[in-house]
């Protein structure tokens, strides 16, 4: 993509290698990773919460891409 251009919606601009996503210590299935459609310089990662997840108000989530791990954030899971 050219610098400064928004992510396209059709077809979407996807990453070449999917990141891994950990939710509550379990691997989540990544369904999309790429440029957020309509936004400049914003990447989006969509992942499904594993069925076996323990619910809670502060479930840890982090993303790993090319051996580089993101900061850990917390999400509520009911």
C-alpha atoms as a PDB file:
ATOM      1  CA  UNK A   1       0.000   0.000   0.000  1.00  0.00           C
ATOM      2  CA  UNK A   2       1.143   3.520  -0.673  1.00  0.00           C
ATOM      3  CA  UNK A   3       2.005   5.576   2.397  1.00  0.00           C
ATOM      4  CA  UNK A   4      -0.881   7.740   3.616  1.00  0.00           C
ATOM      5  CA  UNK A   5      -3.573   5.708   1.863  1.00  0.00           C
ATOM      6  CA  UNK A   6      -6.516   4.278   3.818  1.00  0.00           C
ATOM      7  CA  UNK A   7      -6.916   0.518   4.042  1.00  0.00           C
ATOM      8  CA  UNK A   8      -9.142  -0.784   1.238  1.00  0.00           C
ATOM      9  CA  UNK A   9     -12.396  -2.550   2.027  1.00  0.00           C
ATOM     10  CA  UNK A  10     -12.562  -4.824  -1.014  1.00  0.00           C
ATOM     11  CA  UNK A  11     -10.375  -6.737  -1.201  1.00  0.00           C
ATOM     12  CA  UNK A  12      -8.919  -5.998   2.253  1.00  0.00           C
ATOM     13  CA  UNK A  13      -5.158  -5.562   2.700  1.00  0.00           C
ATOM     14  CA  UNK A  14      -4.112  -8.551   4.814  1.00  0.00           C
ATOM     15  CA  UNK A  15      -0.820  -9.420   6.489  1.00  0.00           C
ATOM     16  CA  UNK A  16       1.391 -12.092   4.916  1.00  0.00           C
ATOM     17  CA  UNK A  17       1.871 -13.956   8.198  1.00  0.00           C
ATOM     18  CA  UNK A  18      -0.978 -14.174  10.719  1.00  0.00           C
ATOM     19  CA  UNK A  19      -0.148 -13.127  14.276  1.00  0.00           C
ATOM     20  CA  UNK A  20      -1.032 -15.330  17.226  1.00  0.00           C
ATOM     21  CA  UNK A  21      -3.469 -14.095  19.859  1.00  0.00           C
ATOM     22  CA  UNK A  22      -3.592 -15.288  23.460  1.00  0.00           C
ATOM     23  CA  UNK A  23      -6.800 -14.735  25.440  1.00  0.00           C
ATOM     24  CA  UNK A  24      -6.772 -15.881  29.049  1.00  0.00           C
ATOM     25  CA  UNK A  25      -3.678 -17.988  28.386  1.00  0.00           C
ATOM     26  CA  UNK A  26      -5.291 -19.849  25.480  1.00  0.00           C
ATOM     27  CA  UNK A  27      -4.643 -19.548  21.765  1.00  0.00           C
ATOM     28  CA  UNK A  28      -7.459 -17.785  19.911  1.00  0.00           C
ATOM     29  CA  UNK A  29      -8.345 -18.343  16.259  1.00  0.00           C
ATOM     30  CA  UNK A  30      -7.350 -15.289  14.207  1.00  0.00           C
ATOM     31  CA  UNK A  31      -9.977 -14.535  11.563  1.00  0.00           C
ATOM     32  CA  UNK A  32      -8.463 -11.341  10.100  1.00  0.00           C
ATOM     33  CA  UNK A  33      -5.240  -9.378  10.380  1.00  0.00           C
ATOM     34  CA  UNK A  34      -4.493  -6.428   8.140  1.00  0.00           C
ATOM     35  CA  UNK A  35      -5.150  -2.775   7.431  1.00  0.00           C
ATOM     36  CA  UNK A  36      -8.360  -1.476   8.996  1.00  0.00           C
ATOM     37  CA  UNK A  37     -10.630  -0.608   6.043  1.00  0.00           C
ATOM     38  CA  UNK A  38     -11.015   3.155   5.596  1.00  0.00           C
ATOM     39  CA  UNK A  39      -8.273   4.098   8.090  1.00  0.00           C
ATOM     40  CA  UNK A  40      -4.732   5.316   7.443  1.00  0.00           C
ATOM     41  CA  UNK A  41      -1.958   3.479   9.305  1.00  0.00           C
ATOM     42  CA  UNK A  42      -4.320   1.424  11.488  1.00  0.00           C
ATOM     43  CA  UNK A  43      -3.930  -2.337  11.658  1.00  0.00           C
ATOM     44  CA  UNK A  44      -6.754  -4.559  12.863  1.00  0.00           C
ATOM     45  CA  UNK A  45      -6.670  -8.074  14.327  1.00  0.00           C
ATOM     46  CA  UNK A  46      -9.907 -10.054  14.757  1.00  0.00           C
ATOM     47  CA  UNK A  47      -9.844 -13.193  16.910  1.00  0.00           C
ATOM     48  CA  UNK A  48     -12.455 -15.552  18.331  1.00  0.00           C
ATOM     49  CA  UNK A  49     -12.596 -16.001  22.104  1.00  0.00           C
ATOM     50  CA  UNK A  50     -11.926 -19.704  22.850  1.00  0.00           C
ATOM     51  CA  UNK A  51     -14.988 -21.621  24.112  1.00  0.00           C
ATOM     52  CA  UNK A  52     -13.054 -23.015  27.090  1.00  0.00           C
ATOM     53  CA  UNK A  53     -12.118 -19.560  28.387  1.00  0.00           C
ATOM     54  CA  UNK A  54     -12.595 -18.761  32.059  1.00  0.00           C
ATOM     55  CA  UNK A  55     -14.894 -15.766  32.330  1.00  0.00           C
ATOM     56  CA  UNK A  56     -13.914 -12.691  34.290  1.00  0.00           C
ATOM     57  CA  UNK A  57     -13.699  -8.921  34.320  1.00  0.00           C
ATOM     58  CA  UNK A  58      -9.939  -8.802  33.594  1.00  0.00           C
ATOM     59  CA  UNK A  59      -8.954 -11.557  31.171  1.00  0.00           C
ATOM     60  CA  UNK A  60      -5.428 -10.960  29.767  1.00  0.00           C
ATOM     61  CA  UNK A  61      -4.963 -10.581  25.985  1.00  0.00           C
ATOM     62  CA  UNK A  62      -1.785 -10.160  23.934  1.00  0.00           C
ATOM     63  CA  UNK A  63      -0.705 -10.515  20.304  1.00  0.00           C
ATOM     64  CA  UNK A  64       2.553 -11.991  19.026  1.00  0.00           C
ATOM     65  CA  UNK A  65       3.824 -11.167  15.529  1.00  0.00           C
ATOM     66  CA  UNK A  66       7.207 -12.377  14.238  1.00  0.00           C
ATOM     67  CA  UNK A  67       8.337 -13.292  17.785  1.00  0.00           C
ATOM     68  CA  UNK A  68       7.492  -9.784  19.078  1.00  0.00           C
ATOM     69  CA  UNK A  69       4.880  -9.717  21.839  1.00  0.00           C
ATOM     70  CA  UNK A  70       2.516  -6.776  22.401  1.00  0.00           C
ATOM     71  CA  UNK A  71       1.725  -5.262  25.755  1.00  0.00           C
ATOM     72  CA  UNK A  72      -0.879  -7.222  27.694  1.00  0.00           C
ATOM     73  CA  UNK A  73      -4.342  -5.703  27.984  1.00  0.00           C
ATOM     74  CA  UNK A  74      -7.396  -6.933  29.867  1.00  0.00           C
ATOM     75  CA  UNK A  75     -10.893  -7.537  28.533  1.00  0.00           C
ATOM     76  CA  UNK A  76     -14.100  -8.608  30.233  1.00  0.00           C
ATOM     77  CA  UNK A  77     -15.433 -12.011  29.152  1.00  0.00           C
ATOM     78  CA  UNK A  78     -18.908 -13.172  30.169  1.00  0.00           C
END
